[in-house]
Amino acid sequence: MSDKPTTHHILASASNLLAITLVIIAGLHVTGRAARTIADEIAWLSALCFTASCWLSYLSIRTDRDMPRAERVADVAFMGGLSLLTVAVFALAFLRGI
């Protein structure tokens, strides 16, 4: 068992938020609202950040050597994805025509 508790939390949270982001993107495309808002483009950027966070945190867990840089970058990618997801939701809620 790894002694990297932060990495485990990043991986679990990032993977859950990645799924939520992909549901938002799919919902926008199914309803036809993707062309009328920038929310799906922002959500795609968020999904890329969460994917990078998942990959880096998983890599940090699976390697035998200590990888503080990968863990830091995973944390930064997670916070970027979280921020972008928040912006996408606000864009969807308040910027209907943009």
N, C-alpha and C. Protein backbone atom coordinates (compact mmCIF):
# COMPACT_ATOMS: atom_id res chain seq x y z
N MET A 1 0.84 -1.18 0.00
CA MET A 1 0.00 0.00 0.00
C MET A 1 0.88 1.23 0.00
N SER A 2 0.52 2.19 -0.78
CA SER A 2 1.31 3.41 -0.91
C SER A 2 1.05 4.34 0.27
N ASP A 3 2.07 5.12 0.61
CA ASP A 3 1.91 6.10 1.68
C ASP A 3 1.67 7.49 1.09
N LYS A 4 0.97 7.56 -0.04
CA LYS A 4 0.67 8.81 -0.73
C LYS A 4 -0.83 9.07 -0.69
N PRO A 5 -1.36 9.48 0.45
CA PRO A 5 -2.81 9.63 0.56
C PRO A 5 -3.36 10.75 -0.32
N THR A 6 -2.60 11.80 -0.56
CA THR A 6 -3.08 12.90 -1.38
C THR A 6 -3.33 12.43 -2.80
N THR A 7 -2.44 11.63 -3.33
CA THR A 7 -2.57 11.14 -4.69
C THR A 7 -3.82 10.30 -4.86
N HIS A 8 -4.15 9.48 -3.88
CA HIS A 8 -5.35 8.66 -3.94
C HIS A 8 -6.59 9.55 -4.00
N HIS A 9 -6.61 10.60 -3.21
CA HIS A 9 -7.75 11.50 -3.20
C HIS A 9 -7.87 12.25 -4.52
N ILE A 10 -6.75 12.68 -5.07
CA ILE A 10 -6.78 13.38 -6.35
C ILE A 10 -7.33 12.45 -7.43
N LEU A 11 -6.87 11.22 -7.46
CA LEU A 11 -7.33 10.27 -8.48
C LEU A 11 -8.82 10.01 -8.38
N ALA A 12 -9.31 9.77 -7.18
CA ALA A 12 -10.74 9.50 -7.00
C ALA A 12 -11.59 10.71 -7.36
N SER A 13 -11.20 11.86 -6.91
CA SER A 13 -11.98 13.07 -7.18
C SER A 13 -11.92 13.46 -8.64
N ALA A 14 -10.74 13.39 -9.24
CA ALA A 14 -10.60 13.77 -10.65
C ALA A 14 -11.38 12.83 -11.56
N SER A 15 -11.38 11.56 -11.26
CA SER A 15 -12.13 10.62 -12.10
C SER A 15 -13.64 10.84 -11.98
N ASN A 16 -14.11 11.14 -10.78
CA ASN A 16 -15.54 11.43 -10.62
C ASN A 16 -15.93 12.72 -11.33
N LEU A 17 -15.11 13.75 -11.22
CA LEU A 17 -15.42 15.01 -11.88
C LEU A 17 -15.25 14.91 -13.39
N LEU A 18 -14.36 14.06 -13.86
CA LEU A 18 -14.25 13.81 -15.29
C LEU A 18 -15.55 13.22 -15.83
N ALA A 19 -16.11 12.28 -15.11
CA ALA A 19 -17.39 11.69 -15.52
C ALA A 19 -18.50 12.74 -15.55
N ILE A 20 -18.56 13.58 -14.55
CA ILE A 20 -19.58 14.64 -14.52
C ILE A 20 -19.39 15.60 -15.68
N THR A 21 -18.15 15.95 -15.97
CA THR A 21 -17.86 16.85 -17.08
C THR A 21 -18.30 16.23 -18.40
N LEU A 22 -18.03 14.95 -18.60
CA LEU A 22 -18.43 14.29 -19.84
C LEU A 22 -19.95 14.18 -19.96
N VAL A 23 -20.64 14.03 -18.85
CA VAL A 23 -22.11 14.02 -18.88
C VAL A 23 -22.64 15.39 -19.28
N ILE A 24 -22.02 16.44 -18.78
CA ILE A 24 -22.43 17.81 -19.16
C ILE A 24 -22.21 18.01 -20.65
N ILE A 25 -21.07 17.60 -21.16
CA ILE A 25 -20.78 17.76 -22.59
C ILE A 25 -21.78 16.97 -23.43
N ALA A 26 -22.01 15.72 -23.05
CA ALA A 26 -22.97 14.89 -23.79
C ALA A 26 -24.37 15.50 -23.73
N GLY A 27 -24.76 15.99 -22.56
CA GLY A 27 -26.08 16.60 -22.43
C GLY A 27 -26.24 17.84 -23.31
N LEU A 28 -25.20 18.63 -23.41
CA LEU A 28 -25.25 19.81 -24.28
C LEU A 28 -25.37 19.42 -25.74
N HIS A 29 -24.69 18.37 -26.14
CA HIS A 29 -24.76 17.93 -27.52
C HIS A 29 -26.09 17.25 -27.84
N VAL A 30 -26.62 16.49 -26.92
CA VAL A 30 -27.90 15.81 -27.15
C VAL A 30 -29.04 16.82 -27.26
N THR A 31 -29.00 17.84 -26.43
CA THR A 31 -30.07 18.85 -26.45
C THR A 31 -29.89 19.89 -27.54
N GLY A 32 -28.75 19.88 -28.22
CA GLY A 32 -28.51 20.84 -29.29
C GLY A 32 -28.06 22.21 -28.81
N ARG A 33 -27.72 22.33 -27.56
CA ARG A 33 -27.30 23.63 -27.01
C ARG A 33 -25.80 23.86 -27.14
N ALA A 34 -25.06 22.89 -27.61
CA ALA A 34 -23.60 23.03 -27.70
C ALA A 34 -23.20 24.12 -28.69
N ALA A 35 -23.96 24.26 -29.75
CA ALA A 35 -23.62 25.26 -30.77
C ALA A 35 -23.95 26.68 -30.31
N ARG A 36 -24.81 26.81 -29.33
CA ARG A 36 -25.25 28.14 -28.89
C ARG A 36 -24.52 28.66 -27.65
N THR A 37 -23.60 27.90 -27.11
CA THR A 37 -22.91 28.32 -25.89
C THR A 37 -21.45 27.89 -25.93
N ILE A 38 -20.63 28.60 -25.18
CA ILE A 38 -19.21 28.22 -25.09
C ILE A 38 -18.97 27.24 -23.94
N ALA A 39 -20.03 26.86 -23.28
CA ALA A 39 -19.90 25.99 -22.11
C ALA A 39 -19.27 24.65 -22.47
N ASP A 40 -19.60 24.10 -23.63
CA ASP A 40 -19.04 22.79 -23.96
C ASP A 40 -17.54 22.88 -24.27
N GLU A 41 -17.09 23.98 -24.89
CA GLU A 41 -15.65 24.14 -25.13
C GLU A 41 -14.89 24.26 -23.82
N ILE A 42 -15.44 25.02 -22.90
CA ILE A 42 -14.80 25.15 -21.58
C ILE A 42 -14.82 23.82 -20.84
N ALA A 43 -15.93 23.10 -20.96
CA ALA A 43 -16.03 21.79 -20.32
C ALA A 43 -15.02 20.80 -20.92
N TRP A 44 -14.75 20.91 -22.23
CA TRP A 44 -13.74 20.04 -22.84
C TRP A 44 -12.36 20.32 -22.26
N LEU A 45 -12.04 21.60 -22.05
CA LEU A 45 -10.77 21.94 -21.42
C LEU A 45 -10.70 21.37 -20.00
N SER A 46 -11.82 21.46 -19.31
CA SER A 46 -11.90 20.89 -17.96
C SER A 46 -11.67 19.38 -18.00
N ALA A 47 -12.28 18.72 -18.97
CA ALA A 47 -12.11 17.26 -19.10
C ALA A 47 -10.65 16.91 -19.38
N LEU A 48 -9.98 17.72 -20.19
CA LEU A 48 -8.56 17.46 -20.45
C LEU A 48 -7.72 17.62 -19.18
N CYS A 49 -8.04 18.62 -18.38
CA CYS A 49 -7.33 18.81 -17.11
C CYS A 49 -7.56 17.64 -16.17
N PHE A 50 -8.81 17.19 -16.06
CA PHE A 50 -9.11 16.06 -15.18
C PHE A 50 -8.46 14.78 -15.68
N THR A 51 -8.40 14.61 -17.00
CA THR A 51 -7.73 13.43 -17.56
C THR A 51 -6.25 13.45 -17.22
N ALA A 52 -5.61 14.60 -17.41
CA ALA A 52 -4.19 14.73 -17.06
C ALA A 52 -3.97 14.47 -15.57
N SER A 53 -4.87 14.99 -14.75
CA SER A 53 -4.76 14.78 -13.31
C SER A 53 -4.88 13.29 -12.96
N CYS A 54 -5.81 12.60 -13.61
CA CYS A 54 -5.97 11.16 -13.37
C CYS A 54 -4.71 10.40 -13.77
N TRP A 55 -4.20 10.67 -14.95
CA TRP A 55 -3.00 9.98 -15.43
C TRP A 55 -1.81 10.21 -14.51
N LEU A 56 -1.59 11.46 -14.14
CA LEU A 56 -0.42 11.78 -13.32
C LEU A 56 -0.54 11.22 -11.90
N SER A 57 -1.73 11.29 -11.33
CA SER A 57 -1.88 10.75 -9.98
C SER A 57 -1.78 9.22 -10.00
N TYR A 58 -2.30 8.58 -11.04
CA TYR A 58 -2.16 7.14 -11.16
C TYR A 58 -0.70 6.75 -11.33
N LEU A 59 0.02 7.51 -12.17
CA LEU A 59 1.44 7.26 -12.36
C LEU A 59 2.21 7.42 -11.05
N SER A 60 1.84 8.42 -10.28
CA SER A 60 2.49 8.65 -8.99
C SER A 60 2.23 7.51 -8.01
N ILE A 61 1.05 6.95 -8.05
CA ILE A 61 0.71 5.83 -7.16
C ILE A 61 1.44 4.55 -7.59
N ARG A 62 1.48 4.28 -8.89
CA ARG A 62 1.98 3.01 -9.39
C ARG A 62 3.50 2.90 -9.42
N THR A 63 4.21 4.00 -9.43
CA THR A 63 5.68 3.92 -9.49
C THR A 63 6.23 3.68 -8.09
N ASP A 64 7.34 2.98 -8.06
CA ASP A 64 7.97 2.67 -6.78
C ASP A 64 8.72 3.86 -6.20
N ARG A 65 9.23 4.70 -7.06
CA ARG A 65 9.98 5.85 -6.56
C ARG A 65 9.06 7.02 -6.25
N ASP A 66 9.54 7.88 -5.43
CA ASP A 66 8.77 9.06 -5.04
C ASP A 66 8.71 10.03 -6.21
N MET A 67 7.49 10.49 -6.55
CA MET A 67 7.31 11.40 -7.67
C MET A 67 6.56 12.65 -7.22
N PRO A 68 7.21 13.51 -6.44
CA PRO A 68 6.50 14.70 -5.95
C PRO A 68 6.11 15.66 -7.07
N ARG A 69 6.91 15.70 -8.13
CA ARG A 69 6.58 16.61 -9.24
C ARG A 69 5.30 16.18 -9.95
N ALA A 70 5.16 14.88 -10.21
CA ALA A 70 3.95 14.38 -10.86
C ALA A 70 2.73 14.63 -9.98
N GLU A 71 2.91 14.47 -8.69
CA GLU A 71 1.79 14.70 -7.76
C GLU A 71 1.42 16.18 -7.73
N ARG A 72 2.40 17.06 -7.75
CA ARG A 72 2.12 18.51 -7.77
C ARG A 72 1.42 18.92 -9.06
N VAL A 73 1.89 18.39 -10.19
CA VAL A 73 1.26 18.72 -11.46
C VAL A 73 -0.15 18.16 -11.52
N ALA A 74 -0.36 16.97 -10.97
CA ALA A 74 -1.71 16.40 -10.90
C ALA A 74 -2.63 17.28 -10.07
N ASP A 75 -2.10 17.82 -8.98
CA ASP A 75 -2.88 18.71 -8.12
C ASP A 75 -3.23 20.01 -8.85
N VAL A 76 -2.26 20.57 -9.57
CA VAL A 76 -2.51 21.80 -10.32
C VAL A 76 -3.52 21.54 -11.45
N ALA A 77 -3.38 20.42 -12.15
CA ALA A 77 -4.33 20.07 -13.21
C ALA A 77 -5.73 19.87 -12.64
N PHE A 78 -5.81 19.26 -11.46
CA PHE A 78 -7.11 19.07 -10.82
C PHE A 78 -7.76 20.41 -10.50
N MET A 79 -7.00 21.33 -9.92
CA MET A 79 -7.56 22.64 -9.59
C MET A 79 -7.93 23.42 -10.85
N GLY A 80 -7.14 23.28 -11.90
CA GLY A 80 -7.50 23.92 -13.17
C GLY A 80 -8.78 23.36 -13.74
N GLY A 81 -8.92 22.05 -13.70
CA GLY A 81 -10.15 21.42 -14.19
C GLY A 81 -11.35 21.81 -13.37
N LEU A 82 -11.18 21.89 -12.06
CA LEU A 82 -12.28 22.30 -11.19
C LEU A 82 -12.70 23.74 -11.47
N SER A 83 -11.73 24.60 -11.67
CA SER A 83 -12.03 26.01 -11.99
C SER A 83 -12.73 26.12 -13.33
N LEU A 84 -12.23 25.40 -14.33
CA LEU A 84 -12.86 25.45 -15.65
C LEU A 84 -14.26 24.86 -15.63
N LEU A 85 -14.47 23.81 -14.86
CA LEU A 85 -15.81 23.24 -14.74
C LEU A 85 -16.78 24.24 -14.13
N THR A 86 -16.32 24.97 -13.14
CA THR A 86 -17.15 26.01 -12.52
C THR A 86 -17.49 27.09 -13.53
N VAL A 87 -16.50 27.52 -14.31
CA VAL A 87 -16.74 28.53 -15.34
C VAL A 87 -17.73 28.01 -16.39
N ALA A 88 -17.60 26.75 -16.78
CA ALA A 88 -18.51 26.17 -17.77
C ALA A 88 -19.94 26.14 -17.26
N VAL A 89 -20.12 25.80 -16.00
CA VAL A 89 -21.47 25.77 -15.43
C VAL A 89 -22.06 27.18 -15.36
N PHE A 90 -21.25 28.16 -14.96
CA PHE A 90 -21.73 29.54 -14.95
C PHE A 90 -22.04 30.03 -16.36
N ALA A 91 -21.21 29.67 -17.33
CA ALA A 91 -21.47 30.05 -18.71
C ALA A 91 -22.78 29.43 -19.20
N LEU A 92 -23.03 28.21 -18.83
CA LEU A 92 -24.26 27.54 -19.22
C LEU A 92 -25.47 28.19 -18.56
N ALA A 93 -25.31 28.57 -17.31
CA ALA A 93 -26.44 29.12 -16.56
C ALA A 93 -26.75 30.58 -16.90
N PHE A 94 -25.70 31.38 -17.13
CA PHE A 94 -25.92 32.82 -17.25
C PHE A 94 -25.65 33.40 -18.63
N LEU A 95 -24.85 32.74 -19.44
CA LEU A 95 -24.52 33.27 -20.77
C LEU A 95 -25.21 32.43 -21.83
N ARG A 96 -26.48 32.47 -21.86
CA ARG A 96 -27.26 31.58 -22.71
C ARG A 96 -27.00 31.79 -24.20
N GLY A 97 -26.82 33.01 -24.64
CA GLY A 97 -26.67 33.27 -26.06
C GLY A 97 -25.25 33.37 -26.54
N ILE A 98 -24.28 33.23 -25.64
CA ILE A 98 -22.89 33.42 -26.05
C ILE A 98 -22.23 32.08 -26.28
